[in-house]
Amino acid sequence: TEFALRMMGDIQQYFIDHQVRNYYSVSISGYHIAEAGANPITQLAFTLANGFTYVEYYLSRGMNIDDFAPNLSFFFSNGLDPEYTV
């Protein structure tokens, strides 16, 4: 996981250095978490935690949040889970 995070940081740094816009450097996905059996609240919690990990890592590398935040995307499963559809 450390290698993958470092690689994602390198990609994001490249995007910043070369002003790559209108392209998502990472899609932070909750779909596979839902498919593994998580309810919508758990899916949201794990997906946001993953997103915060990227943000904290990018900030620790000295990146400005305004430079990389537009290049993040989130993807959630929107299944019909009866107890959460109210």
C-alpha atoms as a PDB file:
ATOM      1  CA  THR A   1       0.000   0.000   0.000  1.00  0.00           C
ATOM      2  CA  GLU A   2       2.891   2.388   0.637  1.00  0.00           C
ATOM      3  CA  PHE A   3       4.138   1.867  -2.921  1.00  0.00           C
ATOM      4  CA  ALA A   4       0.665   2.478  -4.364  1.00  0.00           C
ATOM      5  CA  LEU A   5       0.183   5.642  -2.327  1.00  0.00           C
ATOM      6  CA  ARG A   6       3.604   6.937  -3.375  1.00  0.00           C
ATOM      7  CA  MET A   7       2.764   6.167  -7.024  1.00  0.00           C
ATOM      8  CA  MET A   8      -0.568   8.028  -6.764  1.00  0.00           C
ATOM      9  CA  GLY A   9       1.273  10.952  -5.205  1.00  0.00           C
ATOM     10  CA  ASP A  10       3.734  10.972  -8.104  1.00  0.00           C
ATOM     11  CA  ILE A  11       0.866  10.962 -10.606  1.00  0.00           C
ATOM     12  CA  GLN A  12      -0.881  13.808  -8.821  1.00  0.00           C
ATOM     13  CA  GLN A  13       2.355  15.790  -8.645  1.00  0.00           C
ATOM     14  CA  TYR A  14       2.769  15.307 -12.408  1.00  0.00           C
ATOM     15  CA  PHE A  15      -0.771  16.605 -12.943  1.00  0.00           C
ATOM     16  CA  ILE A  16       0.006  19.699 -10.869  1.00  0.00           C
ATOM     17  CA  ASP A  17       3.403  20.345 -12.468  1.00  0.00           C
ATOM     18  CA  HIS A  18       2.008  20.014 -16.006  1.00  0.00           C
ATOM     19  CA  GLN A  19      -1.343  21.704 -15.276  1.00  0.00           C
ATOM     20  CA  VAL A  20      -3.395  18.665 -16.285  1.00  0.00           C
ATOM     21  CA  ARG A  21      -7.040  19.644 -15.821  1.00  0.00           C
ATOM     22  CA  ASN A  22     -10.396  18.026 -16.583  1.00  0.00           C
ATOM     23  CA  TYR A  23      -9.010  14.577 -15.857  1.00  0.00           C
ATOM     24  CA  TYR A  24      -9.483  12.567 -12.683  1.00  0.00           C
ATOM     25  CA  SER A  25      -6.191  11.370 -11.260  1.00  0.00           C
ATOM     26  CA  VAL A  26      -8.012   9.008  -8.907  1.00  0.00           C
ATOM     27  CA  SER A  27     -11.573   7.787  -8.512  1.00  0.00           C
ATOM     28  CA  ILE A  28     -12.263   7.008  -4.878  1.00  0.00           C
ATOM     29  CA  SER A  29     -14.783   4.213  -5.124  1.00  0.00           C
ATOM     30  CA  GLY A  30     -17.282   2.783  -2.685  1.00  0.00           C
ATOM     31  CA  TYR A  31     -18.928   0.443  -5.164  1.00  0.00           C
ATOM     32  CA  HIS A  32     -16.718  -2.552  -4.393  1.00  0.00           C
ATOM     33  CA  ILE A  33     -17.238  -1.962  -0.668  1.00  0.00           C
ATOM     34  CA  ALA A  34     -21.012  -2.158  -1.160  1.00  0.00           C
ATOM     35  CA  GLU A  35     -20.640  -5.246  -3.346  1.00  0.00           C
ATOM     36  CA  ALA A  36     -18.709  -6.882  -0.514  1.00  0.00           C
ATOM     37  CA  GLY A  37     -21.806  -6.497   1.663  1.00  0.00           C
ATOM     38  CA  ALA A  38     -21.433  -3.119   3.341  1.00  0.00           C
ATOM     39  CA  ASN A  39     -24.553  -1.111   4.092  1.00  0.00           C
ATOM     40  CA  PRO A  40     -24.721   2.465   2.713  1.00  0.00           C
ATOM     41  CA  ILE A  41     -23.405   4.049   5.918  1.00  0.00           C
ATOM     42  CA  THR A  42     -20.402   1.724   6.088  1.00  0.00           C
ATOM     43  CA  GLN A  43     -19.760   2.231   2.369  1.00  0.00           C
ATOM     44  CA  LEU A  44     -19.723   6.003   2.880  1.00  0.00           C
ATOM     45  CA  ALA A  45     -17.459   5.774   5.930  1.00  0.00           C
ATOM     46  CA  PHE A  46     -14.836   3.583   4.238  1.00  0.00           C
ATOM     47  CA  THR A  47     -14.917   5.572   0.997  1.00  0.00           C
ATOM     48  CA  LEU A  48     -14.471   8.896   2.780  1.00  0.00           C
ATOM     49  CA  ALA A  49     -11.669   7.389   4.885  1.00  0.00           C
ATOM     50  CA  ASN A  50      -9.933   6.327   1.663  1.00  0.00           C
ATOM     51  CA  GLY A  51     -10.398   9.835   0.274  1.00  0.00           C
ATOM     52  CA  PHE A  52      -8.997  11.435   3.415  1.00  0.00           C
ATOM     53  CA  THR A  53      -5.958   9.162   3.126  1.00  0.00           C
ATOM     54  CA  TYR A  54      -5.189  10.556  -0.326  1.00  0.00           C
ATOM     55  CA  VAL A  55      -5.775  14.146   0.789  1.00  0.00           C
ATOM     56  CA  GLU A  56      -3.580  13.793   3.888  1.00  0.00           C
ATOM     57  CA  TYR A  57      -0.817  12.122   1.881  1.00  0.00           C
ATOM     58  CA  TYR A  58      -0.862  14.746  -0.867  1.00  0.00           C
ATOM     59  CA  LEU A  59      -0.769  17.518   1.734  1.00  0.00           C
ATOM     60  CA  SER A  60       2.163  15.806   3.497  1.00  0.00           C
ATOM     61  CA  ARG A  61       4.048  15.958   0.191  1.00  0.00           C
ATOM     62  CA  GLY A  62       3.562  19.722   0.117  1.00  0.00           C
ATOM     63  CA  MET A  63       0.784  19.883  -2.471  1.00  0.00           C
ATOM     64  CA  ASN A  64      -1.795  22.653  -2.217  1.00  0.00           C
ATOM     65  CA  ILE A  65      -5.334  21.306  -1.815  1.00  0.00           C
ATOM     66  CA  ASP A  66      -6.649  23.761  -4.422  1.00  0.00           C
ATOM     67  CA  ASP A  67      -4.273  22.220  -6.965  1.00  0.00           C
ATOM     68  CA  PHE A  68      -5.453  18.623  -6.572  1.00  0.00           C
ATOM     69  CA  ALA A  69      -8.993  18.641  -5.150  1.00  0.00           C
ATOM     70  CA  PRO A  70     -10.648  19.251  -8.556  1.00  0.00           C
ATOM     71  CA  ASN A  71      -8.932  16.085  -9.858  1.00  0.00           C
ATOM     72  CA  LEU A  72     -10.555  13.778  -7.283  1.00  0.00           C
ATOM     73  CA  SER A  73     -13.772  11.919  -7.985  1.00  0.00           C
ATOM     74  CA  PHE A  74     -15.971   9.749  -5.797  1.00  0.00           C
ATOM     75  CA  PHE A  75     -18.076   6.804  -6.924  1.00  0.00           C
ATOM     76  CA  PHE A  76     -20.753   5.210  -4.744  1.00  0.00           C
ATOM     77  CA  SER A  77     -23.159   2.335  -5.187  1.00  0.00           C
ATOM     78  CA  ASN A  78     -26.756   3.483  -5.086  1.00  0.00           C
ATOM     79  CA  GLY A  79     -28.538   0.194  -4.526  1.00  0.00           C
ATOM     80  CA  LEU A  80     -31.950  -0.115  -2.940  1.00  0.00           C
ATOM     81  CA  ASP A  81     -31.346  -1.119   0.637  1.00  0.00           C
ATOM     82  CA  PRO A  82     -34.850  -1.039   2.203  1.00  0.00           C
ATOM     83  CA  GLU A  83     -33.885   0.162   5.671  1.00  0.00           C
ATOM     84  CA  TYR A  84     -31.904   3.098   4.232  1.00  0.00           C
ATOM     85  CA  THR A  85     -34.184   4.273   1.403  1.00  0.00           C
ATOM     86  CA  VAL A  86     -36.402   6.550   3.503  1.00  0.00           C
END
